[in-house]
C-alpha atoms as a PDB file:
ATOM      1  CA  MET A   1       0.000   0.000   0.000  1.00  0.00           C
ATOM      2  CA  GLN A   2       1.252   3.491  -0.818  1.00  0.00           C
ATOM      3  CA  GLN A   3       2.477   5.695   1.992  1.00  0.00           C
ATOM      4  CA  ASN A   4       1.302   9.274   2.274  1.00  0.00           C
ATOM      5  CA  THR A   5       3.642  12.227   2.704  1.00  0.00           C
ATOM      6  CA  THR A   6       3.227  12.355   6.486  1.00  0.00           C
ATOM      7  CA  GLU A   7       4.262   8.717   6.859  1.00  0.00           C
ATOM      8  CA  GLN A   8       7.205   9.112   4.496  1.00  0.00           C
ATOM      9  CA  ASP A   9       8.449  12.241   6.252  1.00  0.00           C
ATOM     10  CA  ILE A  10       8.222  10.716   9.730  1.00  0.00           C
ATOM     11  CA  LEU A  11       9.895   7.483   8.634  1.00  0.00           C
ATOM     12  CA  ARG A  12      12.631   9.414   6.813  1.00  0.00           C
ATOM     13  CA  ALA A  13      13.321  11.515   9.919  1.00  0.00           C
ATOM     14  CA  LEU A  14      13.497   8.362  12.044  1.00  0.00           C
ATOM     15  CA  SER A  15      15.834   6.592   9.626  1.00  0.00           C
ATOM     16  CA  GLU A  16      18.184   9.578   9.673  1.00  0.00           C
ATOM     17  CA  ARG A  17      18.620   9.072  13.425  1.00  0.00           C
ATOM     18  CA  GLY A  18      19.577   5.413  12.909  1.00  0.00           C
ATOM     19  CA  ASP A  19      19.722   3.136  15.943  1.00  0.00           C
ATOM     20  CA  GLN A  20      19.406   6.056  18.349  1.00  0.00           C
ATOM     21  CA  LEU A  21      15.590   5.804  18.135  1.00  0.00           C
ATOM     22  CA  ALA A  22      15.261   2.110  17.285  1.00  0.00           C
ATOM     23  CA  PRO A  23      12.614   1.267  19.924  1.00  0.00           C
ATOM     24  CA  GLU A  24      10.511   4.308  19.053  1.00  0.00           C
ATOM     25  CA  THR A  25      10.890   3.579  15.329  1.00  0.00           C
ATOM     26  CA  GLU A  26       9.677   0.023  15.889  1.00  0.00           C
ATOM     27  CA  VAL A  27       6.604   1.265  17.777  1.00  0.00           C
ATOM     28  CA  ILE A  28       5.755   3.912  15.182  1.00  0.00           C
ATOM     29  CA  CYS A  29       6.164   1.418  12.318  1.00  0.00           C
ATOM     30  CA  ALA A  30       3.877  -1.076  14.088  1.00  0.00           C
ATOM     31  CA  VAL A  31       1.260   1.632  14.642  1.00  0.00           C
ATOM     32  CA  LEU A  32       1.493   2.703  10.994  1.00  0.00           C
ATOM     33  CA  GLU A  33       1.098  -0.883   9.836  1.00  0.00           C
ATOM     34  CA  GLY A  34      -1.998  -1.365  11.991  1.00  0.00           C
ATOM     35  CA  LEU A  35      -3.533   1.889  10.830  1.00  0.00           C
ATOM     36  CA  ARG A  36      -2.801   1.172   7.173  1.00  0.00           C
ATOM     37  CA  ALA A  37      -4.587  -2.165   7.512  1.00  0.00           C
ATOM     38  CA  ARG A  38      -7.760  -0.294   8.493  1.00  0.00           C
ATOM     39  CA  SER A  39      -7.547   2.820   6.349  1.00  0.00           C
ATOM     40  CA  ARG A  40      -6.051   3.843   3.055  1.00  0.00           C
ATOM     41  CA  ARG A  41      -4.880   7.220   4.362  1.00  0.00           C
ATOM     42  CA  VAL A  42      -3.107   7.625   7.684  1.00  0.00           C
ATOM     43  CA  LEU A  43      -2.891  11.093   9.180  1.00  0.00           C
ATOM     44  CA  ARG A  44      -0.538  12.272  11.882  1.00  0.00           C
ATOM     45  CA  LYS A  45      -3.470  12.640  14.272  1.00  0.00           C
ATOM     46  CA  ASP A  46      -4.340   8.952  13.688  1.00  0.00           C
ATOM     47  CA  ILE A  47      -0.828   7.984  14.771  1.00  0.00           C
ATOM     48  CA  ILE A  48      -1.070  10.234  17.828  1.00  0.00           C
ATOM     49  CA  LEU A  49      -4.431   8.789  18.874  1.00  0.00           C
ATOM     50  CA  ALA A  50      -3.181   5.218  18.413  1.00  0.00           C
ATOM     51  CA  LEU A  51      -0.109   5.919  20.552  1.00  0.00           C
ATOM     52  CA  ILE A  52      -2.244   7.533  23.273  1.00  0.00           C
ATOM     53  CA  ALA A  53      -4.591   4.525  23.263  1.00  0.00           C
ATOM     54  CA  GLU A  54      -1.639   2.196  23.705  1.00  0.00           C
ATOM     55  CA  LEU A  55      -0.222   4.378  26.481  1.00  0.00           C
ATOM     56  CA  GLU A  56      -3.520   4.118  28.335  1.00  0.00           C
ATOM     57  CA  SER A  57      -3.623   0.340  28.057  1.00  0.00           C
ATOM     58  CA  THR A  58      -0.016  -0.410  29.034  1.00  0.00           C
ATOM     59  CA  SER A  59       1.404  -0.774  32.524  1.00  0.00           C
ATOM     60  CA  ASP A  60       4.950  -1.881  31.618  1.00  0.00           C
ATOM     61  CA  VAL A  61       7.226   1.003  32.645  1.00  0.00           C
ATOM     62  CA  VAL A  62       9.776   0.389  29.888  1.00  0.00           C
ATOM     63  CA  ARG A  63       7.059   0.156  27.228  1.00  0.00           C
ATOM     64  CA  LEU A  64       5.475   3.352  28.561  1.00  0.00           C
ATOM     65  CA  ASP A  65       8.793   5.161  28.194  1.00  0.00           C
ATOM     66  CA  VAL A  66       9.182   4.002  24.580  1.00  0.00           C
ATOM     67  CA  LEU A  67       5.581   4.949  23.773  1.00  0.00           C
ATOM     68  CA  ARG A  68       6.066   8.408  25.308  1.00  0.00           C
ATOM     69  CA  GLY A  69       9.201   8.869  23.226  1.00  0.00           C
ATOM     70  CA  ALA A  70       7.363   7.799  20.069  1.00  0.00           C
ATOM     71  CA  LEU A  71       4.514  10.174  20.867  1.00  0.00           C
ATOM     72  CA  GLU A  72       6.944  13.047  21.439  1.00  0.00           C
ATOM     73  CA  ILE A  73       8.528  12.349  18.053  1.00  0.00           C
ATOM     74  CA  VAL A  74       5.215  12.322  16.199  1.00  0.00           C
ATOM     75  CA  VAL A  75       3.762  15.329  18.045  1.00  0.00           C
ATOM     76  CA  GLY A  76       6.967  17.331  17.717  1.00  0.00           C
ATOM     77  CA  TYR A  77       7.495  16.495  14.073  1.00  0.00           C
ATOM     78  CA  PRO A  78       6.917  19.556  11.858  1.00  0.00           C
ATOM     79  CA  HIS A  79       3.774  19.183   9.782  1.00  0.00           C
ATOM     80  CA  GLY A  80       1.898  21.116   7.157  1.00  0.00           C
ATOM     81  CA  ILE A  81      -1.647  22.290   6.757  1.00  0.00           C
ATOM     82  CA  ASP A  82      -2.408  19.317   4.485  1.00  0.00           C
ATOM     83  CA  ASP A  83      -2.520  17.001   7.527  1.00  0.00           C
ATOM     84  CA  GLU A  84      -6.078  17.826   8.540  1.00  0.00           C
END
Protein backbone atom coordinates (compact mmCIF):
# COMPACT_ATOMS: atom_id res chain seq x y z
CA MET A 1 0.00 0.00 0.00
CA GLN A 2 1.25 3.49 -0.82
CA GLN A 3 2.48 5.69 1.99
CA ASN A 4 1.30 9.27 2.27
CA THR A 5 3.64 12.23 2.70
CA THR A 6 3.23 12.35 6.49
CA GLU A 7 4.26 8.72 6.86
CA GLN A 8 7.21 9.11 4.50
CA ASP A 9 8.45 12.24 6.25
CA ILE A 10 8.22 10.72 9.73
CA LEU A 11 9.89 7.48 8.63
CA ARG A 12 12.63 9.41 6.81
CA ALA A 13 13.32 11.51 9.92
CA LEU A 14 13.50 8.36 12.04
CA SER A 15 15.83 6.59 9.63
CA GLU A 16 18.18 9.58 9.67
CA ARG A 17 18.62 9.07 13.43
CA GLY A 18 19.58 5.41 12.91
CA ASP A 19 19.72 3.14 15.94
CA GLN A 20 19.41 6.06 18.35
CA LEU A 21 15.59 5.80 18.14
CA ALA A 22 15.26 2.11 17.28
CA PRO A 23 12.61 1.27 19.92
CA GLU A 24 10.51 4.31 19.05
CA THR A 25 10.89 3.58 15.33
CA GLU A 26 9.68 0.02 15.89
CA VAL A 27 6.60 1.27 17.78
CA ILE A 28 5.75 3.91 15.18
CA CYS A 29 6.16 1.42 12.32
CA ALA A 30 3.88 -1.08 14.09
CA VAL A 31 1.26 1.63 14.64
CA LEU A 32 1.49 2.70 10.99
CA GLU A 33 1.10 -0.88 9.84
CA GLY A 34 -2.00 -1.36 11.99
CA LEU A 35 -3.53 1.89 10.83
CA ARG A 36 -2.80 1.17 7.17
CA ALA A 37 -4.59 -2.17 7.51
CA ARG A 38 -7.76 -0.29 8.49
CA SER A 39 -7.55 2.82 6.35
CA ARG A 40 -6.05 3.84 3.06
CA ARG A 41 -4.88 7.22 4.36
CA VAL A 42 -3.11 7.63 7.68
CA LEU A 43 -2.89 11.09 9.18
CA ARG A 44 -0.54 12.27 11.88
CA LYS A 45 -3.47 12.64 14.27
CA ASP A 46 -4.34 8.95 13.69
CA ILE A 47 -0.83 7.98 14.77
CA ILE A 48 -1.07 10.23 17.83
CA LEU A 49 -4.43 8.79 18.87
CA ALA A 50 -3.18 5.22 18.41
CA LEU A 51 -0.11 5.92 20.55
CA ILE A 52 -2.24 7.53 23.27
CA ALA A 53 -4.59 4.52 23.26
CA GLU A 54 -1.64 2.20 23.70
CA LEU A 55 -0.22 4.38 26.48
CA GLU A 56 -3.52 4.12 28.33
CA SER A 57 -3.62 0.34 28.06
CA THR A 58 -0.02 -0.41 29.03
CA SER A 59 1.40 -0.77 32.52
CA ASP A 60 4.95 -1.88 31.62
CA VAL A 61 7.23 1.00 32.64
CA VAL A 62 9.78 0.39 29.89
CA ARG A 63 7.06 0.16 27.23
CA LEU A 64 5.47 3.35 28.56
CA ASP A 65 8.79 5.16 28.19
CA VAL A 66 9.18 4.00 24.58
CA LEU A 67 5.58 4.95 23.77
CA ARG A 68 6.07 8.41 25.31
CA GLY A 69 9.20 8.87 23.23
CA ALA A 70 7.36 7.80 20.07
CA LEU A 71 4.51 10.17 20.87
CA GLU A 72 6.94 13.05 21.44
CA ILE A 73 8.53 12.35 18.05
CA VAL A 74 5.21 12.32 16.20
CA VAL A 75 3.76 15.33 18.04
CA GLY A 76 6.97 17.33 17.72
CA TYR A 77 7.50 16.49 14.07
CA PRO A 78 6.92 19.56 11.86
CA HIS A 79 3.77 19.18 9.78
CA GLY A 80 1.90 21.12 7.16
CA ILE A 81 -1.65 22.29 6.76
CA ASP A 82 -2.41 19.32 4.49
CA ASP A 83 -2.52 17.00 7.53
CA GLU A 84 -6.08 17.83 8.54
